[in-house]
């Protein structure tokens, strides 16, 4: 099945070079693959995967090993962001 992975801010550096300009890449993954399984090959440090959304819905850290993805899902990840 095919999903879209979007990595934002400093996480964009973990995408393949050709995908960095648009901060997204299309992936072929196994039906029902977990968020953790999809992110593992990218080598993202867990402390930097602060905000994770699937189709705009927040997925808490404790659910990322069990939340199964479906065809057409958009998985978006942001690092912690500070501001003032």
N, C-alpha and C. Protein backbone atom coordinates (compact mmCIF):
# COMPACT_ATOMS: atom_id res chain seq x y z
N UNK A 1 0.85 -1.18 0.00
CA UNK A 1 0.00 0.00 0.00
C UNK A 1 0.89 1.23 0.00
N UNK A 2 0.31 2.34 -0.36
CA UNK A 2 1.07 3.59 -0.48
C UNK A 2 0.58 4.61 0.54
N UNK A 3 1.55 5.25 1.22
CA UNK A 3 1.25 6.33 2.16
C UNK A 3 2.18 7.50 1.85
N UNK A 4 1.89 8.64 2.46
CA UNK A 4 2.75 9.81 2.35
C UNK A 4 3.37 10.08 3.72
N UNK A 5 4.68 10.26 3.74
CA UNK A 5 5.39 10.64 4.95
C UNK A 5 5.86 12.07 4.79
N UNK A 6 5.52 12.90 5.78
CA UNK A 6 5.96 14.30 5.81
C UNK A 6 6.78 14.51 7.07
N UNK A 7 7.97 15.04 6.91
CA UNK A 7 8.83 15.38 8.04
C UNK A 7 9.09 16.88 8.01
N UNK A 8 8.91 17.51 9.15
CA UNK A 8 8.99 18.97 9.22
C UNK A 8 10.20 19.46 10.00
N UNK A 9 10.53 20.72 9.76
CA UNK A 9 11.62 21.44 10.43
C UNK A 9 12.92 20.65 10.28
N UNK A 10 13.65 20.45 11.35
CA UNK A 10 14.95 19.77 11.27
C UNK A 10 14.84 18.31 10.86
N UNK A 11 13.67 17.71 10.97
CA UNK A 11 13.50 16.31 10.58
C UNK A 11 13.57 16.11 9.07
N UNK A 12 13.39 17.18 8.32
CA UNK A 12 13.47 17.09 6.86
C UNK A 12 14.82 16.50 6.42
N UNK A 13 15.86 16.72 7.19
CA UNK A 13 17.19 16.20 6.86
C UNK A 13 17.24 14.67 6.83
N UNK A 14 16.26 14.02 7.41
CA UNK A 14 16.22 12.55 7.44
C UNK A 14 15.55 11.96 6.19
N UNK A 15 14.96 12.81 5.38
CA UNK A 15 14.36 12.34 4.13
C UNK A 15 15.44 12.13 3.07
N UNK A 16 15.15 11.33 2.04
CA UNK A 16 16.09 11.23 0.93
C UNK A 16 16.31 12.62 0.33
N UNK A 17 17.51 12.92 -0.16
CA UNK A 17 17.81 14.27 -0.67
C UNK A 17 16.79 14.80 -1.67
N UNK A 18 16.29 13.98 -2.56
CA UNK A 18 15.34 14.45 -3.57
C UNK A 18 14.00 14.86 -2.98
N UNK A 19 13.68 14.38 -1.77
CA UNK A 19 12.39 14.67 -1.15
C UNK A 19 12.43 15.85 -0.19
N UNK A 20 13.61 16.34 0.12
CA UNK A 20 13.74 17.38 1.16
C UNK A 20 13.09 18.70 0.80
N UNK A 21 13.16 19.10 -0.44
CA UNK A 21 12.60 20.40 -0.83
C UNK A 21 11.10 20.46 -0.56
N UNK A 22 10.41 19.37 -0.74
CA UNK A 22 8.96 19.34 -0.51
C UNK A 22 8.57 18.76 0.83
N UNK A 23 9.55 18.38 1.64
CA UNK A 23 9.42 17.77 2.96
C UNK A 23 8.49 16.55 2.99
N UNK A 24 8.41 15.82 1.88
CA UNK A 24 7.52 14.67 1.84
C UNK A 24 8.04 13.62 0.88
N UNK A 25 7.64 12.39 1.14
CA UNK A 25 7.97 11.29 0.25
C UNK A 25 6.83 10.28 0.26
N UNK A 26 6.64 9.64 -0.85
CA UNK A 26 5.64 8.58 -0.96
C UNK A 26 6.33 7.26 -0.64
N UNK A 27 5.67 6.42 0.16
CA UNK A 27 6.26 5.15 0.57
C UNK A 27 5.33 3.99 0.25
N UNK A 28 5.90 2.88 -0.12
CA UNK A 28 5.16 1.63 -0.23
C UNK A 28 5.46 0.84 1.04
N UNK A 29 4.42 0.56 1.81
CA UNK A 29 4.58 -0.16 3.08
C UNK A 29 3.57 -1.31 3.14
N UNK A 30 3.79 -2.21 4.06
CA UNK A 30 2.90 -3.34 4.27
C UNK A 30 1.58 -2.85 4.85
N UNK A 31 0.48 -3.40 4.39
CA UNK A 31 -0.85 -3.07 4.91
C UNK A 31 -0.84 -3.22 6.44
N UNK A 32 -1.29 -2.19 7.14
CA UNK A 32 -1.36 -2.23 8.59
C UNK A 32 -0.05 -1.97 9.30
N UNK A 33 0.99 -1.57 8.56
CA UNK A 33 2.29 -1.28 9.19
C UNK A 33 2.10 -0.23 10.28
N UNK A 34 2.84 -0.39 11.36
CA UNK A 34 2.74 0.59 12.45
C UNK A 34 3.54 1.84 12.12
N UNK A 35 3.23 2.90 12.82
CA UNK A 35 3.97 4.16 12.66
C UNK A 35 5.44 3.93 12.98
N UNK A 36 5.70 3.22 14.07
CA UNK A 36 7.09 2.96 14.46
C UNK A 36 7.84 2.20 13.37
N UNK A 37 7.19 1.22 12.75
CA UNK A 37 7.84 0.43 11.70
C UNK A 37 8.14 1.28 10.47
N UNK A 38 7.25 2.19 10.14
CA UNK A 38 7.47 3.06 8.98
C UNK A 38 8.60 4.05 9.24
N UNK A 39 8.68 4.56 10.45
CA UNK A 39 9.71 5.56 10.77
C UNK A 39 11.09 4.96 11.02
N UNK A 40 11.15 3.69 11.44
CA UNK A 40 12.43 3.06 11.81
C UNK A 40 13.52 3.19 10.75
N UNK A 41 13.26 2.92 9.48
CA UNK A 41 14.34 3.01 8.49
C UNK A 41 14.93 4.41 8.30
N UNK A 42 14.23 5.43 8.77
CA UNK A 42 14.71 6.80 8.60
C UNK A 42 15.66 7.21 9.72
N UNK A 43 15.76 6.41 10.77
CA UNK A 43 16.70 6.69 11.85
C UNK A 43 16.40 7.94 12.65
N UNK A 44 15.13 8.28 12.77
CA UNK A 44 14.77 9.47 13.54
C UNK A 44 14.98 9.21 15.04
N UNK A 45 15.70 10.09 15.73
CA UNK A 45 15.83 9.93 17.18
C UNK A 45 14.45 10.07 17.83
N UNK A 46 14.07 9.10 18.69
CA UNK A 46 12.74 9.14 19.31
C UNK A 46 12.41 10.47 20.00
N UNK A 47 13.41 11.10 20.61
CA UNK A 47 13.13 12.36 21.31
C UNK A 47 12.77 13.48 20.34
N UNK A 48 13.07 13.30 19.05
CA UNK A 48 12.74 14.31 18.05
C UNK A 48 11.39 14.06 17.36
N UNK A 49 10.78 12.92 17.63
CA UNK A 49 9.46 12.65 17.02
C UNK A 49 8.39 13.04 18.03
N UNK A 50 8.29 14.32 18.24
CA UNK A 50 7.43 14.87 19.29
C UNK A 50 5.95 14.86 18.92
N UNK A 51 5.62 15.40 17.79
CA UNK A 51 4.22 15.50 17.36
C UNK A 51 4.04 14.63 16.13
N UNK A 52 3.19 13.60 16.27
CA UNK A 52 2.94 12.66 15.18
C UNK A 52 1.44 12.68 14.88
N UNK A 53 1.12 12.91 13.62
CA UNK A 53 -0.27 12.95 13.16
C UNK A 53 -0.48 11.97 12.03
N UNK A 54 -1.62 11.31 12.03
CA UNK A 54 -2.04 10.50 10.89
C UNK A 54 -3.33 11.12 10.38
N UNK A 55 -3.28 11.61 9.16
CA UNK A 55 -4.42 12.30 8.56
C UNK A 55 -4.93 13.44 9.45
N UNK A 56 -3.98 14.14 10.09
CA UNK A 56 -4.33 15.29 10.91
C UNK A 56 -4.76 14.97 12.33
N UNK A 57 -4.71 13.70 12.73
CA UNK A 57 -5.12 13.29 14.07
C UNK A 57 -3.89 12.87 14.87
N UNK A 58 -3.73 13.47 16.05
CA UNK A 58 -2.59 13.19 16.91
C UNK A 58 -2.56 11.72 17.35
N UNK A 59 -1.36 11.12 17.29
CA UNK A 59 -1.15 9.76 17.78
C UNK A 59 -0.13 9.83 18.91
N UNK A 60 -0.55 9.50 20.15
CA UNK A 60 0.38 9.59 21.27
C UNK A 60 1.53 8.58 21.15
N UNK A 61 2.63 8.89 21.79
CA UNK A 61 3.84 8.06 21.72
C UNK A 61 3.54 6.60 22.03
N UNK A 62 2.73 6.34 23.04
CA UNK A 62 2.47 4.96 23.46
C UNK A 62 1.63 4.16 22.44
N UNK A 63 1.04 4.82 21.46
CA UNK A 63 0.23 4.13 20.45
C UNK A 63 0.96 3.95 19.12
N UNK A 64 2.17 4.44 19.01
CA UNK A 64 2.86 4.42 17.72
C UNK A 64 3.33 3.02 17.30
N UNK A 65 3.48 2.11 18.25
CA UNK A 65 3.84 0.73 17.91
C UNK A 65 2.64 -0.08 17.46
N UNK A 66 1.45 0.37 17.83
CA UNK A 66 0.25 -0.43 17.53
C UNK A 66 -0.69 0.21 16.52
N UNK A 67 -0.54 1.49 16.25
CA UNK A 67 -1.43 2.17 15.30
C UNK A 67 -1.10 1.72 13.88
N UNK A 68 -2.01 0.99 13.27
CA UNK A 68 -1.80 0.50 11.91
C UNK A 68 -2.19 1.53 10.86
N UNK A 69 -1.36 1.68 9.86
CA UNK A 69 -1.62 2.63 8.78
C UNK A 69 -2.42 1.96 7.67
N UNK A 70 -3.15 2.79 6.91
CA UNK A 70 -3.96 2.29 5.80
C UNK A 70 -3.60 3.02 4.50
N UNK A 71 -4.01 2.42 3.41
CA UNK A 71 -3.77 2.99 2.07
C UNK A 71 -4.16 4.46 2.05
N UNK A 72 -3.25 5.30 1.55
CA UNK A 72 -3.54 6.72 1.39
C UNK A 72 -3.32 7.58 2.61
N UNK A 73 -2.97 6.97 3.75
CA UNK A 73 -2.73 7.76 4.96
C UNK A 73 -1.59 8.75 4.75
N UNK A 74 -1.68 9.86 5.48
CA UNK A 74 -0.60 10.85 5.51
C UNK A 74 -0.06 10.86 6.93
N UNK A 75 1.19 10.48 7.06
CA UNK A 75 1.89 10.45 8.35
C UNK A 75 2.79 11.67 8.41
N UNK A 76 2.55 12.54 9.39
CA UNK A 76 3.31 13.78 9.52
C UNK A 76 3.98 13.82 10.89
N UNK A 77 5.25 14.23 10.91
CA UNK A 77 6.03 14.23 12.15
C UNK A 77 6.75 15.57 12.30
N UNK A 78 6.65 16.14 13.51
CA UNK A 78 7.34 17.39 13.86
C UNK A 78 8.24 17.16 15.07
N UNK A 79 9.37 17.83 15.10
CA UNK A 79 10.21 17.80 16.31
C UNK A 79 9.63 18.76 17.35
N UNK A 80 10.16 18.71 18.58
CA UNK A 80 9.75 19.72 19.55
C UNK A 80 10.11 21.10 19.01
N UNK A 81 9.24 22.05 19.23
CA UNK A 81 9.46 23.40 18.72
C UNK A 81 9.35 24.38 19.88
N UNK A 82 10.32 25.23 20.00
CA UNK A 82 10.31 26.26 21.05
C UNK A 82 10.07 27.61 20.39
N UNK A 83 9.47 28.45 21.13
CA UNK A 83 9.24 29.79 20.59
C UNK A 83 8.98 30.76 21.71
N UNK A 84 8.79 31.97 21.32
CA UNK A 84 8.57 32.95 22.37
C UNK A 84 7.78 34.10 21.87
